[in-house]
Amino acid sequence: MGEILSARRWVPAPSDYTGTVPDPQSPSSHAAQISPFIELDRADWAALAPSMPSPLRETEIVQLRGLGEPLDPREVAEVYLPLSRLLNLYVGGTKSLHKVTSEFLRERFESTPFVIGVAGSVAVGKSTIARLLRELLARWEHTPRVELITTDGFLFPNAELERRGLMARKGFPESYDRRALLRFVSEVKAGAAEVRAPFYSHLAYDIVKDAQVTVRRPDVLIVEGLNVLQPPGPGHRLAVSDLFDFTIYVDARTSDIARWYEERFLKLQRGAFANPRSYFHRFASLTEAEARARSREIWHSINEPNLLQNIRPTRSRASLVLRKGSDHTVSSVLLRKL
């Protein structure tokens, strides 16, 4: 790890990484600040893994990508394959540390799952990245068993959100059962043989009663969600982010994310919303102009405030930041210094 990092440059912190400036490429008036991150542009990052063969076929990559995301073999090879190798090194290092600690304490302890948090805005592509990392990590030594859980399953059911007056704030921190999420990750981290989480249906836009997702002692657990990097809330001493071994924040300009959200909304409106069972079926008959207007209304009233008030302020807590350009491809990587 030291050899990889010593060849790169230390960079001052952009003001946007204090959580006060919306756009990551905005000029900074605090460029002289000392940064906890090392920044690598895409070419330097890709050069860290020039000879790694991609284990995924192009058909598998197509199946993993989300709506409107131009994920292709080159993006996988230049961005996510090196990232998966770095994570694999972290897992191996953690296992080694566990071994020497056990020897030092003269006790034999079972190693626990390595937990990765993936955070970012709606429509920024974090779900695709989480799925892709699950597939790539499972191909590396030390991490054959990789599980993925999304925090959608820990949203309160719609009936409870309605009771609390929170339906218009779905996705905000207060709309989640944070105690249940913390309990779930704590049990996985403690090495429980089997841990269950609620199942969320995007079609029904709600928790599915009596349906569950089961996690069984993985080598790696990936937890993906909007607010997974939140610090402890008022009156609480522990947050789920305290249980993560490594965290990733997926970043982009607010204007780009808004455009991606609108494009995705239009694709869903022509596709999934046409299903009569879809919670959003009422939008299926909108004209394109009406659909665009509706998506912008939702973005400005719900998703943008959540991004600016809750999600982006947690970016500086991440171990690694993937900064995306306007075409959805990663332009640079910021890695926290060790």
Protein backbone atom coordinates (compact mmCIF):
# COMPACT_ATOMS: atom_id res chain seq x y z
CA MET A 1 0.00 0.00 0.00
CA GLY A 2 2.80 2.39 0.87
CA GLU A 3 4.43 1.99 -2.54
CA ILE A 4 1.20 2.80 -4.32
CA LEU A 5 0.44 5.92 -2.32
CA SER A 6 3.94 7.36 -2.06
CA ALA A 7 4.05 7.95 -5.81
CA ARG A 8 0.98 10.18 -5.77
CA ARG A 9 0.54 13.80 -4.85
CA TRP A 10 -1.04 15.21 -1.70
CA VAL A 11 -3.69 17.74 -2.57
CA PRO A 12 -5.26 20.67 -0.72
CA ALA A 13 -8.89 20.26 0.23
CA PRO A 14 -11.46 21.82 -2.10
CA SER A 15 -13.96 23.86 -0.12
CA ASP A 16 -16.68 21.58 -1.41
CA TYR A 17 -15.25 18.82 0.74
CA THR A 18 -16.22 20.72 3.86
CA GLY A 19 -19.84 20.10 2.94
CA THR A 20 -20.60 23.78 2.32
CA VAL A 21 -20.23 24.05 -1.48
CA PRO A 22 -22.71 22.10 -3.67
CA ASP A 23 -20.58 21.40 -6.75
CA PRO A 24 -17.35 19.33 -6.45
CA GLN A 25 -15.52 21.24 -9.22
CA SER A 26 -16.31 24.69 -7.84
CA PRO A 27 -13.30 27.02 -7.41
CA SER A 28 -12.10 26.98 -3.83
CA SER A 29 -11.23 29.94 -1.65
CA HIS A 30 -9.62 27.54 0.83
CA ALA A 31 -7.23 25.74 -1.53
CA ALA A 32 -4.42 26.05 0.95
CA GLN A 33 -6.16 23.86 3.52
CA ILE A 34 -4.49 20.59 4.38
CA SER A 35 -6.50 17.67 3.03
CA PRO A 36 -6.97 14.24 4.62
CA PHE A 37 -7.21 12.85 1.07
CA ILE A 38 -4.81 11.97 -1.69
CA GLU A 39 -6.25 12.72 -5.13
CA LEU A 40 -5.57 10.66 -8.24
CA ASP A 41 -6.89 11.59 -11.65
CA ARG A 42 -8.42 8.83 -13.72
CA ALA A 43 -5.25 8.06 -15.70
CA ASP A 44 -3.13 7.69 -12.56
CA TRP A 45 -5.79 5.57 -10.87
CA ALA A 46 -6.13 3.26 -13.91
CA ALA A 47 -2.34 2.87 -14.05
CA LEU A 48 -2.39 1.18 -10.63
CA ALA A 49 -3.81 -1.96 -12.21
CA PRO A 50 -2.56 -2.07 -15.82
CA SER A 51 -2.35 -5.85 -16.11
CA MET A 52 -5.43 -6.99 -14.20
CA PRO A 53 -7.72 -8.99 -16.49
CA SER A 54 -11.40 -8.19 -16.00
CA PRO A 55 -13.30 -11.22 -14.67
CA LEU A 56 -16.62 -9.95 -16.04
CA ARG A 57 -17.99 -10.51 -19.53
CA GLU A 58 -19.61 -7.58 -21.32
CA THR A 59 -23.04 -9.22 -20.99
CA GLU A 60 -22.56 -9.34 -17.21
CA ILE A 61 -21.62 -5.66 -17.14
CA VAL A 62 -24.76 -4.75 -19.11
CA GLN A 63 -26.88 -6.65 -16.58
CA LEU A 64 -25.27 -4.79 -13.66
CA ARG A 65 -25.64 -1.22 -14.87
CA GLY A 66 -28.55 1.00 -13.93
CA LEU A 67 -30.88 3.05 -16.13
CA GLY A 68 -28.99 5.66 -18.13
CA GLU A 69 -25.58 4.68 -16.80
CA PRO A 70 -23.01 4.06 -19.57
CA LEU A 71 -21.07 1.41 -17.69
CA ASP A 72 -18.78 -0.43 -20.10
CA PRO A 73 -15.72 -2.74 -19.97
CA ARG A 74 -13.33 0.22 -20.09
CA GLU A 75 -14.93 1.89 -17.05
CA VAL A 76 -14.80 -1.41 -15.19
CA ALA A 77 -11.15 -1.99 -16.09
CA GLU A 78 -9.92 1.55 -15.39
CA VAL A 79 -11.95 2.42 -12.28
CA TYR A 80 -13.64 -0.48 -10.54
CA LEU A 81 -11.14 -3.26 -11.03
CA PRO A 82 -8.40 -1.22 -9.27
CA LEU A 83 -10.93 -0.28 -6.58
CA SER A 84 -11.86 -3.92 -6.03
CA ARG A 85 -8.17 -4.80 -5.72
CA LEU A 86 -7.62 -2.01 -3.19
CA LEU A 87 -10.58 -3.24 -1.15
CA ASN A 88 -9.25 -6.79 -1.36
CA LEU A 89 -5.91 -5.54 0.03
CA TYR A 90 -7.75 -3.82 2.89
CA VAL A 91 -9.63 -7.04 3.67
CA GLY A 92 -6.39 -9.03 3.64
CA GLY A 93 -4.72 -6.45 5.85
CA THR A 94 -7.60 -6.56 8.30
CA LYS A 95 -7.41 -10.36 8.47
CA SER A 96 -3.67 -10.14 9.14
CA LEU A 97 -4.23 -7.57 11.87
CA HIS A 98 -6.87 -9.82 13.41
CA LYS A 99 -4.43 -12.74 13.41
CA VAL A 100 -1.56 -10.88 15.10
CA THR A 101 -3.96 -9.29 17.61
CA SER A 102 -5.32 -12.72 18.56
CA GLU A 103 -1.77 -14.00 18.97
CA PHE A 104 -0.82 -11.02 21.09
CA LEU A 105 -3.87 -11.52 23.35
CA ARG A 106 -3.24 -15.28 23.42
CA GLU A 107 -6.85 -15.82 22.52
CA ARG A 108 -8.47 -17.32 19.44
CA PHE A 109 -11.18 -15.07 18.03
CA GLU A 110 -13.23 -15.65 14.90
CA SER A 111 -12.59 -12.99 12.27
CA THR A 112 -15.65 -10.90 11.48
CA PRO A 113 -17.03 -9.73 8.13
CA PHE A 114 -15.42 -6.70 6.49
CA VAL A 115 -18.20 -4.12 6.06
CA ILE A 116 -18.18 -1.55 3.24
CA GLY A 117 -20.58 1.40 3.12
CA VAL A 118 -21.53 2.99 -0.23
CA ALA A 119 -23.25 6.38 -0.05
CA GLY A 120 -24.39 9.10 -2.43
CA SER A 121 -27.39 10.86 -3.91
CA VAL A 122 -30.39 9.41 -5.66
CA ALA A 123 -29.48 8.80 -9.35
CA VAL A 124 -25.71 9.17 -8.86
CA GLY A 125 -25.09 5.48 -9.61
CA LYS A 126 -24.23 4.09 -6.19
CA SER A 127 -26.48 1.03 -6.57
CA THR A 128 -24.71 0.02 -9.78
CA ILE A 129 -21.33 0.51 -8.12
CA ALA A 130 -22.36 -1.60 -5.14
CA ARG A 131 -23.57 -4.43 -7.40
CA LEU A 132 -20.41 -4.23 -9.49
CA LEU A 133 -18.13 -4.34 -6.45
CA ARG A 134 -20.01 -7.35 -5.13
CA GLU A 135 -19.26 -9.24 -8.34
CA LEU A 136 -15.63 -8.11 -8.58
CA LEU A 137 -14.74 -8.70 -4.93
CA ALA A 138 -16.12 -12.24 -5.06
CA ARG A 139 -13.42 -13.02 -7.67
CA TRP A 140 -10.52 -12.07 -5.40
CA GLU A 141 -8.66 -14.11 -2.81
CA HIS A 142 -9.87 -13.56 0.80
CA THR A 143 -13.36 -12.46 -0.34
CA PRO A 144 -15.25 -15.31 -2.06
CA ARG A 145 -18.47 -14.67 -0.12
CA VAL A 146 -19.78 -11.14 -0.67
CA GLU A 147 -23.28 -10.01 0.31
CA LEU A 148 -25.05 -6.76 -0.58
CA ILE A 149 -27.80 -5.09 1.40
CA THR A 150 -29.53 -1.80 0.63
CA THR A 151 -30.91 0.46 3.31
CA ASP A 152 -34.23 0.68 1.43
CA GLY A 153 -35.28 -2.37 3.45
CA PHE A 154 -34.94 -0.31 6.63
CA LEU A 155 -37.29 2.44 5.55
CA PHE A 156 -40.37 2.56 7.70
CA PRO A 157 -43.39 1.02 5.90
CA ASN A 158 -45.49 3.57 4.05
CA ALA A 159 -48.30 3.24 6.61
CA GLU A 160 -45.89 4.23 9.38
CA LEU A 161 -44.45 7.07 7.30
CA GLU A 162 -47.97 8.34 6.71
CA ARG A 163 -48.72 8.11 10.44
CA ARG A 164 -45.61 10.15 11.21
CA GLY A 165 -46.21 12.65 8.41
CA LEU A 166 -43.00 11.63 6.65
CA MET A 167 -44.11 10.39 3.22
CA ALA A 168 -42.86 13.60 1.61
CA ARG A 169 -39.50 13.03 3.34
CA LYS A 170 -38.97 9.43 2.31
CA GLY A 171 -35.22 8.91 2.02
CA PHE A 172 -34.39 11.53 4.66
CA PRO A 173 -32.60 10.12 7.75
CA GLU A 174 -35.73 10.23 9.90
CA SER A 175 -37.62 7.96 7.45
CA TYR A 176 -35.43 4.98 8.32
CA ASP A 177 -35.63 2.57 11.23
CA ARG A 178 -32.05 3.33 12.19
CA ARG A 179 -32.14 1.13 15.27
CA ALA A 180 -33.10 -1.88 13.16
CA LEU A 181 -30.34 -1.11 10.64
CA LEU A 182 -27.78 -0.70 13.40
CA ARG A 183 -28.91 -3.95 15.00
CA PHE A 184 -28.69 -5.78 11.67
CA VAL A 185 -25.14 -4.63 10.86
CA SER A 186 -24.05 -5.21 14.49
CA GLU A 187 -25.20 -8.83 14.30
CA VAL A 188 -23.46 -9.40 10.97
CA LYS A 189 -20.31 -7.76 12.30
CA ALA A 190 -20.46 -9.92 15.42
CA GLY A 191 -20.36 -13.04 13.26
CA ALA A 192 -23.95 -14.24 13.68
CA ALA A 193 -24.63 -17.35 11.58
CA GLU A 194 -27.71 -15.84 9.94
CA VAL A 195 -29.14 -12.32 9.99
CA ARG A 196 -32.38 -11.21 8.30
CA ALA A 197 -33.38 -7.84 6.90
CA PRO A 198 -36.74 -6.58 5.58
CA PHE A 199 -37.31 -6.67 1.82
CA TYR A 200 -38.21 -3.49 -0.07
CA SER A 201 -40.09 -3.54 -3.39
CA HIS A 202 -39.38 -0.66 -5.77
CA LEU A 203 -42.48 -1.67 -7.72
CA ALA A 204 -44.72 -1.34 -4.67
CA TYR A 205 -42.56 1.47 -3.23
CA ASP A 206 -42.95 -0.18 0.16
CA ILE A 207 -41.69 -2.85 2.54
CA VAL A 208 -43.05 -6.27 1.59
CA LYS A 209 -44.66 -7.91 4.60
CA ASP A 210 -43.21 -11.32 5.54
CA ALA A 211 -40.46 -11.07 2.87
CA GLN A 212 -36.85 -10.97 4.02
CA VAL A 213 -33.25 -10.86 2.83
CA THR A 214 -30.94 -13.30 4.62
CA VAL A 215 -27.21 -12.77 5.13
CA ARG A 216 -25.08 -15.75 6.19
CA ARG A 217 -21.59 -15.00 7.50
CA PRO A 218 -20.10 -13.27 4.45
CA ASP A 219 -16.44 -12.36 4.06
CA VAL A 220 -17.62 -8.92 2.96
CA LEU A 221 -20.93 -7.12 3.49
CA ILE A 222 -21.67 -4.11 1.28
CA VAL A 223 -24.26 -1.70 2.73
CA GLU A 224 -25.57 0.74 0.12
CA GLY A 225 -27.81 3.71 0.80
CA LEU A 226 -28.36 7.45 0.77
CA ASN A 227 -27.49 8.16 4.39
CA VAL A 228 -25.17 5.33 5.47
CA LEU A 229 -22.41 7.79 6.44
CA GLN A 230 -24.58 9.72 8.89
CA PRO A 231 -23.01 10.32 12.32
CA PRO A 232 -24.96 9.33 15.45
CA GLY A 233 -28.22 11.19 15.87
CA PRO A 234 -29.06 13.34 18.89
CA GLY A 235 -29.10 11.22 22.03
CA HIS A 236 -27.35 8.28 20.33
CA ARG A 237 -23.74 7.25 20.84
CA LEU A 238 -23.41 4.86 17.90
CA ALA A 239 -24.27 5.10 14.19
CA VAL A 240 -24.20 2.34 11.59
CA SER A 241 -21.24 4.13 9.95
CA ASP A 242 -19.20 3.37 13.10
CA LEU A 243 -19.35 -0.32 12.15
CA PHE A 244 -17.93 0.13 8.64
CA ASP A 245 -14.36 -0.88 7.80
CA PHE A 246 -14.29 1.12 4.56
CA THR A 247 -16.66 3.69 3.07
CA ILE A 248 -17.22 5.02 -0.44
CA TYR A 249 -19.00 8.24 -1.41
CA VAL A 250 -20.14 8.63 -5.03
CA ASP A 251 -19.95 12.31 -5.96
CA ALA A 252 -20.95 14.59 -8.86
CA ARG A 253 -22.15 18.10 -9.54
CA THR A 254 -25.66 18.78 -8.31
CA SER A 255 -26.73 19.92 -11.79
CA ASP A 256 -25.50 16.66 -13.33
CA ILE A 257 -27.28 14.52 -10.75
CA ALA A 258 -30.50 16.48 -11.33
CA ARG A 259 -30.24 15.80 -15.06
CA TRP A 260 -29.54 12.09 -14.49
CA TYR A 261 -32.54 11.91 -12.18
CA GLU A 262 -34.81 13.47 -14.82
CA GLU A 263 -33.50 11.12 -17.53
CA ARG A 264 -34.03 8.11 -15.29
CA PHE A 265 -37.54 9.26 -14.37
CA LEU A 266 -38.45 9.45 -18.08
CA LYS A 267 -37.12 5.94 -18.71
CA LEU A 268 -39.09 4.59 -15.75
CA GLN A 269 -42.18 6.46 -16.87
CA ARG A 270 -42.01 4.68 -20.24
CA GLY A 271 -41.16 1.35 -18.63
CA ALA A 272 -41.75 0.24 -15.03
CA PHE A 273 -44.46 2.84 -14.35
CA ALA A 274 -46.58 1.22 -17.09
CA ASN A 275 -47.08 -1.79 -14.83
CA PRO A 276 -50.54 -1.41 -13.22
CA ARG A 277 -49.06 -2.71 -9.94
CA SER A 278 -46.48 0.07 -9.83
CA TYR A 279 -46.92 2.66 -7.09
CA PHE A 280 -46.12 5.28 -9.76
CA HIS A 281 -48.52 3.92 -12.39
CA ARG A 282 -50.42 7.23 -12.22
CA PHE A 283 -47.44 8.87 -13.97
CA ALA A 284 -47.47 6.47 -16.94
CA SER A 285 -49.96 8.53 -18.95
CA LEU A 286 -48.11 11.84 -18.61
CA THR A 287 -46.78 13.54 -21.72
CA GLU A 288 -43.02 13.95 -21.92
CA ALA A 289 -43.31 17.61 -20.95
CA GLU A 290 -45.53 16.74 -17.98
CA ALA A 291 -43.19 13.94 -16.91
CA ARG A 292 -40.18 16.27 -17.03
CA ALA A 293 -42.04 18.88 -14.99
CA ARG A 294 -43.08 16.27 -12.43
CA SER A 295 -39.56 14.85 -12.10
CA ARG A 296 -38.13 18.35 -11.56
CA GLU A 297 -40.76 19.04 -8.91
CA ILE A 298 -39.82 15.85 -7.04
CA TRP A 299 -36.12 16.61 -7.39
CA HIS A 300 -36.37 20.17 -6.08
CA SER A 301 -38.80 19.38 -3.26
CA ILE A 302 -37.33 16.10 -1.97
CA ASN A 303 -34.12 14.77 -3.49
CA GLU A 304 -32.09 17.97 -3.79
CA PRO A 305 -32.83 19.14 -0.20
CA ASN A 306 -31.92 15.67 1.10
CA LEU A 307 -28.67 15.76 -0.87
CA LEU A 308 -27.67 19.22 0.31
CA GLN A 309 -28.85 18.92 3.91
CA ASN A 310 -28.03 15.32 4.77
CA ILE A 311 -26.11 13.32 2.18
CA ARG A 312 -23.36 15.59 0.86
CA PRO A 313 -22.31 16.82 4.33
CA THR A 314 -21.25 13.22 5.10
CA ARG A 315 -18.87 13.04 2.12
CA SER A 316 -15.83 14.10 4.13
CA ARG A 317 -16.36 11.06 6.39
CA ALA A 318 -15.73 8.62 3.53
CA SER A 319 -12.59 6.52 3.09
CA LEU A 320 -12.75 7.07 -0.66
CA VAL A 321 -14.63 9.47 -2.94
CA LEU A 322 -15.44 8.62 -6.56
CA ARG A 323 -15.91 11.90 -8.40
CA LYS A 324 -17.99 11.61 -11.56
CA GLY A 325 -18.01 13.83 -14.61
CA SER A 326 -21.10 14.95 -16.53
CA ASP A 327 -21.09 11.77 -18.65
CA HIS A 328 -21.43 9.51 -15.56
CA THR A 329 -17.84 8.25 -15.81
CA VAL A 330 -15.40 8.62 -12.91
CA SER A 331 -12.94 11.48 -13.48
CA SER A 332 -10.89 11.25 -10.28
CA VAL A 333 -10.56 9.36 -7.01
CA LEU A 334 -9.88 10.76 -3.55
CA LEU A 335 -8.48 8.27 -1.05
CA ARG A 336 -8.14 9.03 2.64
CA LYS A 337 -4.56 9.02 3.84
CA LEU A 338 -3.54 6.24 6.19
